[in-house]
Amino acid sequence: MTEQSVVHAPEFPEGLDWLNTESPLKMSDLKGKLVLLDFWTFC
């Protein structure tokens, strides 16, 4: 059996632009949920 480490994600920085949300998200809003992040650029 291997020892597992807990990794805490940092909060999102202030001032980010959010799509399809009424307000900025916090990590506590996402706790216990499956989250899919899609990173894309304008190129």
PDB file of N, CA and C in Angstrom:
ATOM      1  N   MET A   1       0.852  -1.183   0.000  1.00  0.00           N
ATOM      2  CA  MET A   1       0.000   0.000   0.000  1.00  0.00           C
ATOM      3  C   MET A   1       0.894   1.242   0.000  1.00  0.00           C
ATOM      4  N   THR A   2       0.558   2.239  -0.833  1.00  0.00           N
ATOM      5  CA  THR A   2       1.358   3.453  -0.901  1.00  0.00           C
ATOM      6  C   THR A   2       0.714   4.565  -0.100  1.00  0.00           C
ATOM      7  N   GLU A   3       1.536   5.469   0.376  1.00  0.00           N
ATOM      8  CA  GLU A   3       1.040   6.620   1.122  1.00  0.00           C
ATOM      9  C   GLU A   3       0.557   7.673   0.135  1.00  0.00           C
ATOM     10  N   GLN A   4      -0.637   8.233   0.366  1.00  0.00           N
ATOM     11  CA  GLN A   4      -1.195   9.245  -0.526  1.00  0.00           C
ATOM     12  C   GLN A   4      -0.995  10.628   0.075  1.00  0.00           C
ATOM     13  N   SER A   5      -0.687  11.586  -0.767  1.00  0.00           N
ATOM     14  CA  SER A   5      -0.526  12.971  -0.328  1.00  0.00           C
ATOM     15  C   SER A   5      -1.739  13.781  -0.748  1.00  0.00           C
ATOM     16  N   VAL A   6      -2.086  14.748   0.058  1.00  0.00           N
ATOM     17  CA  VAL A   6      -3.180  15.654  -0.272  1.00  0.00           C
ATOM     18  C   VAL A   6      -2.575  16.895  -0.907  1.00  0.00           C
ATOM     19  N   VAL A   7      -3.096  17.271  -2.071  1.00  0.00           N
ATOM     20  CA  VAL A   7      -2.628  18.462  -2.769  1.00  0.00           C
ATOM     21  C   VAL A   7      -3.780  19.452  -2.809  1.00  0.00           C
ATOM     22  N   HIS A   8      -3.551  20.643  -2.293  1.00  0.00           N
ATOM     23  CA  HIS A   8      -4.581  21.682  -2.296  1.00  0.00           C
ATOM     24  C   HIS A   8      -4.330  22.626  -3.464  1.00  0.00           C
ATOM     25  N   ALA A   9      -5.349  22.863  -4.251  1.00  0.00           N
ATOM     26  CA  ALA A   9      -5.240  23.781  -5.384  1.00  0.00           C
ATOM     27  C   ALA A   9      -5.367  25.215  -4.870  1.00  0.00           C
ATOM     28  N   PRO A  10      -4.618  26.133  -5.461  1.00  0.00           N
ATOM     29  CA  PRO A  10      -4.730  27.539  -5.050  1.00  0.00           C
ATOM     30  C   PRO A  10      -6.040  28.145  -5.541  1.00  0.00           C
ATOM     31  N   GLU A  11      -6.455  29.223  -4.898  1.00  0.00           N
ATOM     32  CA  GLU A  11      -7.646  29.944  -5.356  1.00  0.00           C
ATOM     33  C   GLU A  11      -7.368  30.578  -6.711  1.00  0.00           C
ATOM     34  N   PHE A  12      -8.424  30.822  -7.476  1.00  0.00           N
ATOM     35  CA  PHE A  12      -8.276  31.515  -8.747  1.00  0.00           C
ATOM     36  C   PHE A  12      -7.889  32.968  -8.475  1.00  0.00           C
ATOM     37  N   PRO A  13      -7.030  33.561  -9.312  1.00  0.00           N
ATOM     38  CA  PRO A  13      -6.654  34.967  -9.124  1.00  0.00           C
ATOM     39  C   PRO A  13      -7.858  35.897  -9.309  1.00  0.00           C
ATOM     40  N   GLU A  14      -7.805  37.039  -8.662  1.00  0.00           N
ATOM     41  CA  GLU A  14      -8.857  38.059  -8.813  1.00  0.00           C
ATOM     42  C   GLU A  14      -8.801  38.646 -10.222  1.00  0.00           C
ATOM     43  N   GLY A  15      -9.944  39.075 -10.742  1.00  0.00           N
ATOM     44  CA  GLY A  15      -9.988  39.789 -12.005  1.00  0.00           C
ATOM     45  C   GLY A  15     -10.010  38.922 -13.253  1.00  0.00           C
ATOM     46  N   LEU A  16     -10.204  37.621 -13.114  1.00  0.00           N
ATOM     47  CA  LEU A  16     -10.275  36.756 -14.295  1.00  0.00           C
ATOM     48  C   LEU A  16     -11.607  36.946 -15.007  1.00  0.00           C
ATOM     49  N   ASP A  17     -11.617  36.726 -16.315  1.00  0.00           N
ATOM     50  CA  ASP A  17     -12.870  36.729 -17.080  1.00  0.00           C
ATOM     51  C   ASP A  17     -13.447  35.328 -17.049  1.00  0.00           C
ATOM     52  N   TRP A  18     -14.744  35.218 -16.716  1.00  0.00           N
ATOM     53  CA  TRP A  18     -15.411  33.924 -16.611  1.00  0.00           C
ATOM     54  C   TRP A  18     -16.486  33.821 -17.680  1.00  0.00           C
ATOM     55  N   LEU A  19     -16.641  32.631 -18.257  1.00  0.00           N
ATOM     56  CA  LEU A  19     -17.685  32.373 -19.237  1.00  0.00           C
ATOM     57  C   LEU A  19     -18.727  31.436 -18.636  1.00  0.00           C
ATOM     58  N   ASN A  20     -19.983  31.666 -18.956  1.00  0.00           N
ATOM     59  CA  ASN A  20     -21.099  30.792 -18.557  1.00  0.00           C
ATOM     60  C   ASN A  20     -21.263  30.670 -17.048  1.00  0.00           C
ATOM     61  N   THR A  21     -20.917  31.716 -16.306  1.00  0.00           N
ATOM     62  CA  THR A  21     -21.164  31.750 -14.865  1.00  0.00           C
ATOM     63  C   THR A  21     -21.716  33.119 -14.506  1.00  0.00           C
ATOM     64  N   GLU A  22     -22.506  33.163 -13.453  1.00  0.00           N
ATOM     65  CA  GLU A  22     -23.057  34.446 -13.008  1.00  0.00           C
ATOM     66  C   GLU A  22     -22.058  35.229 -12.175  1.00  0.00           C
ATOM     67  N   SER A  23     -21.128  34.524 -11.540  1.00  0.00           N
ATOM     68  CA  SER A  23     -20.116  35.181 -10.712  1.00  0.00           C
ATOM     69  C   SER A  23     -18.841  34.337 -10.730  1.00  0.00           C
ATOM     70  N   PRO A  24     -17.711  34.918 -10.325  1.00  0.00           N
ATOM     71  CA  PRO A  24     -16.463  34.147 -10.298  1.00  0.00           C
ATOM     72  C   PRO A  24     -16.577  32.928  -9.383  1.00  0.00           C
ATOM     73  N   LEU A  25     -15.889  31.856  -9.746  1.00  0.00           N
ATOM     74  CA  LEU A  25     -15.902  30.634  -8.956  1.00  0.00           C
ATOM     75  C   LEU A  25     -14.817  30.655  -7.887  1.00  0.00           C
ATOM     76  N   LYS A  26     -15.045  29.910  -6.824  1.00  0.00           N
ATOM     77  CA  LYS A  26     -14.059  29.703  -5.774  1.00  0.00           C
ATOM     78  C   LYS A  26     -13.794  28.204  -5.689  1.00  0.00           C
ATOM     79  N   MET A  27     -12.661  27.834  -5.166  1.00  0.00           N
ATOM     80  CA  MET A  27     -12.345  26.412  -5.024  1.00  0.00           C
ATOM     81  C   MET A  27     -13.362  25.716  -4.129  1.00  0.00           C
ATOM     82  N   SER A  28     -13.865  26.412  -3.125  1.00  0.00           N
ATOM     83  CA  SER A  28     -14.858  25.799  -2.240  1.00  0.00           C
ATOM     84  C   SER A  28     -16.154  25.474  -2.988  1.00  0.00           C
ATOM     85  N   ASP A  29     -16.462  26.221  -4.069  1.00  0.00           N
ATOM     86  CA  ASP A  29     -17.644  25.932  -4.892  1.00  0.00           C
ATOM     87  C   ASP A  29     -17.491  24.617  -5.650  1.00  0.00           C
ATOM     88  N   LEU A  30     -16.242  24.220  -5.905  1.00  0.00           N
ATOM     89  CA  LEU A  30     -15.968  23.050  -6.738  1.00  0.00           C
ATOM     90  C   LEU A  30     -15.661  21.796  -5.930  1.00  0.00           C
ATOM     91  N   LYS A  31     -15.548  21.917  -4.619  1.00  0.00           N
ATOM     92  CA  LYS A  31     -15.184  20.782  -3.777  1.00  0.00           C
ATOM     93  C   LYS A  31     -16.208  19.651  -3.923  1.00  0.00           C
ATOM     94  N   GLY A  32     -15.694  18.450  -4.193  1.00  0.00           N
ATOM     95  CA  GLY A  32     -16.545  17.277  -4.321  1.00  0.00           C
ATOM     96  C   GLY A  32     -17.180  17.125  -5.698  1.00  0.00           C
ATOM     97  N   LYS A  33     -16.813  17.987  -6.647  1.00  0.00           N
ATOM     98  CA  LYS A  33     -17.389  17.925  -7.988  1.00  0.00           C
ATOM     99  C   LYS A  33     -16.310  17.549  -9.001  1.00  0.00           C
ATOM    100  N   LEU A  34     -16.717  16.916 -10.070  1.00  0.00           N
ATOM    101  CA  LEU A  34     -15.823  16.632 -11.182  1.00  0.00           C
ATOM    102  C   LEU A  34     -15.721  17.899 -12.026  1.00  0.00           C
ATOM    103  N   VAL A  35     -14.497  18.356 -12.267  1.00  0.00           N
ATOM    104  CA  VAL A  35     -14.287  19.612 -12.983  1.00  0.00           C
ATOM    105  C   VAL A  35     -13.458  19.350 -14.232  1.00  0.00           C
ATOM    106  N   LEU A  36     -13.929  19.837 -15.360  1.00  0.00           N
ATOM    107  CA  LEU A  36     -13.204  19.741 -16.623  1.00  0.00           C
ATOM    108  C   LEU A  36     -12.809  21.147 -17.034  1.00  0.00           C
ATOM    109  N   LEU A  37     -11.510  21.388 -17.181  1.00  0.00           N
ATOM    110  CA  LEU A  37     -11.014  22.693 -17.595  1.00  0.00           C
ATOM    111  C   LEU A  37     -10.583  22.619 -19.050  1.00  0.00           C
ATOM    112  N   ASP A  38     -10.968  23.620 -19.825  1.00  0.00           N
ATOM    113  CA  ASP A  38     -10.592  23.686 -21.239  1.00  0.00           C
ATOM    114  C   ASP A  38      -9.792  24.957 -21.428  1.00  0.00           C
ATOM    115  N   PHE A  39      -8.493  24.805 -21.690  1.00  0.00           N
ATOM    116  CA  PHE A  39      -7.613  25.943 -21.921  1.00  0.00           C
ATOM    117  C   PHE A  39      -7.470  26.146 -23.416  1.00  0.00           C
ATOM    118  N   TRP A  40      -7.702  27.365 -23.889  1.00  0.00           N
ATOM    119  CA  TRP A  40      -7.575  27.642 -25.304  1.00  0.00           C
ATOM    120  C   TRP A  40      -7.063  29.065 -25.484  1.00  0.00           C
ATOM    121  N   THR A  41      -6.550  29.341 -26.684  1.00  0.00           N
ATOM    122  CA  THR A  41      -5.995  30.657 -26.980  1.00  0.00           C
ATOM    123  C   THR A  41      -6.585  31.177 -28.286  1.00  0.00           C
ATOM    124  N   PHE A  42      -6.444  32.466 -28.507  1.00  0.00           N
ATOM    125  CA  PHE A  42      -6.886  33.108 -29.751  1.00  0.00           C
ATOM    126  C   PHE A  42      -5.705  33.152 -30.718  1.00  0.00           C
ATOM    127  N   CYS A  43      -5.405  32.040 -31.363  1.00  0.00           N
ATOM    128  CA  CYS A  43      -4.290  32.081 -32.315  1.00  0.00           C
ATOM    129  C   CYS A  43      -4.652  31.436 -33.629  1.00  0.00           C
TER     130      CYS A  43
END
